[in-house]
Each structure stands twice: as C-alpha cells, then as structure tokens.
Amino acid sequence: MKTAFESLYDNYHHDLFQYIFYMVKDRSQTEDIIQEVYIKVLKSYNTFRGDSSEKTWLFSIARHTTLDFFRKQKRKRNRLIDFFSKETEEQTLPDQNALPEEIVMLNDEMQRIYHKLNECNADQKQVIILRYIQSFSIQETADIMGWTVSKVKTTQHRAIKKLQALLYDS
C-alpha cells in the first residue's frame, strides 16, 4: 500500500518540478528546492487539515519555499556587494535569462512569450505559470497564493495585458 507521501510524489512531482523550474530556471537549484519542499511536506503532513486539495497545499508550500530561496539569494548577494563595494547599488533578484531545457522544443512564438514573462512582476509571473503552464483553476491559484479569487483575476488580467503589450512592441 502506498503511503500518502508516495502518492503525492507520484501524482504531482513532475508538475511541481516544472513549476519551480519555471521560477528559478536552474535544474540544480530546482532539485534543491524540491527536496526542501518534500521535507516540509513530510514534517507537516499530519497537520494538513484538508481545507484545500493536497495539490493546492503542496504547491502553496512550493511557492513559499521558492520565495524563501529568492530571499536567501538576495541576502547572500547583498552581503557580497557590501563586502566588495562601499557604494550602494540597486540589488535585484538573480539574472533570470537562463532558459529551461525544454524551451528548445517551443516554437518561436512560445519562446517570445517565455522571454517576455520575465518582464512581468513576480506576482504576475507566478499567476501565469500557475494558471496557464500548470493549469490550476482560479480558485486553486488563489489558494496557493493566499489571495482572493478577485486578486488572482486582476493580476492575471494585468499580466496578460502586459504580455500582449510587450509582444506587440517587440
């Protein structure tokens, strides 16, 4: 008989890996983050109340773990910048120009959309990935993001408008 963890892994590992990979765009970092997600899942599964689906709960943990990863990266980079330079510089998230391995298989239009997605803000990017790449419903996306359905719809609408404008300008 399968354990609950094995069931979660079998059912959602590929989608979870893909979601995190689209966010960090580095296979090694994705694997590290996924491992951390699974550790959190194992530690907290007995507290899962069932207020949402297991998939939504799992992706919510993945989202928070990925955001924590970005925060850690920013802190590390800030310490290095402070160490090597007394000047204050604008510090942003790591360069996101690295492409996922699968992008080679995408057609030209999808490549353009994928590149322009990096010009959206973090919330817009996450909503687009959850809704259109991971195929979550608006309600599931709201649960994962910890938002209202209205906020997801608004963010999605703005992200689509921004992507359209970016695509027509290029």
Protein backbone atom coordinates (compact mmCIF):
# COMPACT_ATOMS: atom_id res chain seq x y z
CA MET A 1 0.00 0.00 0.00
CA LYS A 2 1.29 3.44 -0.91
CA THR A 3 1.99 6.00 1.74
CA ALA A 4 0.43 9.44 1.44
CA PHE A 5 3.84 10.87 0.57
CA GLU A 6 4.41 8.35 -2.23
CA SER A 7 1.00 9.19 -3.62
CA LEU A 8 1.77 12.92 -3.56
CA TYR A 9 5.12 12.30 -5.19
CA ASP A 10 3.72 10.03 -7.92
CA ASN A 11 0.82 12.35 -8.71
CA TYR A 12 2.48 15.76 -8.58
CA HIS A 13 6.27 15.52 -8.78
CA HIS A 14 6.52 16.35 -12.49
CA ASP A 15 4.17 19.35 -12.23
CA LEU A 16 5.88 20.54 -9.06
CA PHE A 17 9.33 20.26 -10.64
CA GLN A 18 8.14 22.14 -13.71
CA TYR A 19 6.56 24.92 -11.61
CA ILE A 20 9.71 25.52 -9.59
CA PHE A 21 11.94 25.18 -12.66
CA TYR A 22 9.98 27.91 -14.47
CA MET A 23 10.55 30.15 -11.47
CA VAL A 24 14.29 29.57 -10.83
CA LYS A 25 15.40 28.34 -14.28
CA ASP A 26 18.19 26.19 -12.92
CA ARG A 27 17.93 22.41 -12.66
CA SER A 28 20.26 22.03 -9.68
CA GLN A 29 18.54 24.78 -7.69
CA THR A 30 15.16 23.33 -8.60
CA GLU A 31 16.20 19.94 -7.26
CA ASP A 32 17.42 21.54 -4.02
CA ILE A 33 14.17 23.46 -3.59
CA ILE A 34 12.06 20.37 -4.35
CA GLN A 35 13.96 18.43 -1.72
CA GLU A 36 13.23 21.18 0.79
CA VAL A 37 9.54 21.15 -0.21
CA TYR A 38 9.31 17.41 0.37
CA ILE A 39 11.00 17.73 3.76
CA LYS A 40 8.41 20.36 4.74
CA VAL A 41 5.61 18.14 3.43
CA LEU A 42 6.84 15.16 5.45
CA LYS A 43 7.14 17.27 8.60
CA SER A 44 3.74 18.88 8.27
CA TYR A 45 1.52 16.31 6.53
CA ASN A 46 -0.11 15.31 9.81
CA THR A 47 -1.26 18.92 10.26
CA PHE A 48 -2.86 19.12 6.79
CA ARG A 49 -6.50 19.97 7.54
CA GLY A 50 -7.96 19.38 4.10
CA ASP A 51 -9.20 22.97 3.66
CA SER A 52 -7.89 22.70 0.10
CA SER A 53 -6.80 19.86 -2.15
CA GLU A 54 -3.49 18.16 -1.47
CA LYS A 55 -2.20 19.51 -4.77
CA THR A 56 -3.06 23.08 -3.82
CA TRP A 57 -1.48 22.59 -0.40
CA LEU A 58 1.68 21.11 -1.96
CA PHE A 59 2.03 23.95 -4.48
CA SER A 60 1.49 26.52 -1.73
CA ILE A 61 4.42 25.01 0.17
CA ALA A 62 6.45 25.03 -3.05
CA ARG A 63 5.63 28.68 -3.69
CA HIS A 64 6.70 29.75 -0.21
CA THR A 65 9.86 27.63 -0.35
CA THR A 66 10.79 29.14 -3.72
CA LEU A 67 10.20 32.66 -2.43
CA ASP A 68 12.40 31.85 0.58
CA PHE A 69 15.10 30.69 -1.85
CA PHE A 70 14.97 34.03 -3.69
CA ARG A 71 15.16 35.93 -0.39
CA LYS A 72 18.23 33.91 0.66
CA GLN A 73 19.87 34.55 -2.72
CA LYS A 74 19.23 38.26 -2.38
CA ARG A 75 20.70 38.34 1.15
CA LYS A 76 23.83 36.45 0.00
CA ARG A 77 24.31 38.76 -2.94
CA ASN A 78 23.80 41.83 -0.76
CA ARG A 79 26.47 40.63 1.69
CA LEU A 80 28.92 40.09 -1.18
CA ILE A 81 28.19 43.50 -2.66
CA ASP A 82 28.64 45.14 0.74
CA PHE A 83 31.90 43.28 1.25
CA PHE A 84 33.43 44.23 -2.10
CA SER A 85 31.95 47.67 -2.52
CA LYS A 86 31.17 50.55 -0.22
CA GLU A 87 28.80 52.04 -2.77
CA THR A 88 25.14 51.19 -2.57
CA GLU A 89 23.84 49.60 -5.71
CA GLU A 90 20.39 48.55 -6.73
CA GLN A 91 20.11 44.90 -5.75
CA THR A 92 17.69 42.73 -7.67
CA LEU A 93 16.91 39.06 -7.92
CA PRO A 94 19.43 36.85 -9.73
CA ASP A 95 19.56 37.13 -13.51
CA GLN A 96 16.70 35.14 -14.92
CA ASN A 97 17.93 34.86 -18.52
CA ALA A 98 18.89 31.20 -18.26
CA LEU A 99 16.43 29.08 -20.20
CA PRO A 100 14.77 25.83 -19.17
CA GLU A 101 15.94 22.81 -21.13
CA GLU A 102 12.50 22.37 -22.63
CA ILE A 103 12.49 25.80 -24.28
CA VAL A 104 14.41 24.40 -27.25
CA MET A 105 11.28 22.48 -28.17
CA LEU A 106 9.00 25.52 -28.05
CA ASN A 107 8.07 27.31 -31.26
CA ASP A 108 9.21 30.88 -31.88
CA GLU A 109 6.03 32.46 -30.52
CA MET A 110 6.20 30.48 -27.29
CA GLN A 111 9.86 31.43 -26.90
CA ARG A 112 8.95 35.10 -27.27
CA ILE A 113 6.20 34.73 -24.66
CA TYR A 114 8.54 32.87 -22.32
CA HIS A 115 11.20 35.60 -22.60
CA LYS A 116 8.65 38.37 -22.08
CA LEU A 117 7.29 36.61 -18.99
CA ASN A 118 10.49 37.68 -17.21
CA GLU A 119 9.48 41.31 -17.72
CA CYS A 120 6.29 40.80 -15.69
CA ASN A 121 6.45 41.35 -11.95
CA ALA A 122 6.84 38.30 -9.67
CA ASP A 123 3.12 38.04 -8.84
CA GLN A 124 2.08 38.26 -12.49
CA LYS A 125 4.67 35.67 -13.47
CA GLN A 126 3.50 33.24 -10.77
CA VAL A 127 -0.15 33.62 -11.73
CA ILE A 128 0.63 33.00 -15.42
CA ILE A 129 2.72 29.92 -14.58
CA LEU A 130 0.08 28.50 -12.23
CA ARG A 131 -2.87 29.24 -14.49
CA TYR A 132 -1.52 28.54 -17.98
CA ILE A 133 1.50 26.29 -17.57
CA GLN A 134 0.34 24.27 -14.55
CA SER A 135 -3.39 24.55 -15.46
CA PHE A 136 -4.62 25.42 -11.98
CA SER A 137 -8.09 26.90 -11.68
CA ILE A 138 -8.54 30.45 -10.46
CA GLN A 139 -9.66 29.14 -7.06
CA GLU A 140 -6.67 26.80 -6.76
CA THR A 141 -4.33 29.64 -7.76
CA ALA A 142 -5.92 31.87 -5.12
CA ASP A 143 -5.42 29.14 -2.50
CA ILE A 144 -1.78 28.64 -3.46
CA MET A 145 -1.03 32.35 -3.49
CA GLY A 146 -3.05 33.02 -0.33
CA TRP A 147 -5.12 35.58 -2.24
CA THR A 148 -8.76 36.21 -3.04
CA VAL A 149 -10.17 35.00 -6.35
CA SER A 150 -10.64 38.64 -7.29
CA LYS A 151 -6.95 39.42 -6.80
CA VAL A 152 -5.95 36.42 -8.95
CA LYS A 153 -8.30 37.55 -11.72
CA THR A 154 -6.98 41.11 -11.58
CA THR A 155 -3.34 40.01 -11.55
CA GLN A 156 -3.99 37.57 -14.39
CA HIS A 157 -5.71 40.26 -16.44
CA ARG A 158 -2.86 42.72 -15.89
CA ALA A 159 -0.26 40.08 -16.69
CA ILE A 160 -1.97 39.17 -19.96
CA LYS A 161 -2.28 42.84 -20.92
CA LYS A 162 1.38 43.41 -20.12
CA LEU A 163 2.46 40.34 -22.10
CA GLN A 164 0.35 41.46 -25.05
CA ALA A 165 1.88 44.93 -24.97
CA LEU A 166 5.39 43.51 -24.67
CA LEU A 167 4.81 41.11 -27.55
CA TYR A 168 3.40 43.81 -29.84
CA ASP A 169 6.23 46.23 -29.00
CA SER A 170 8.93 43.76 -29.96
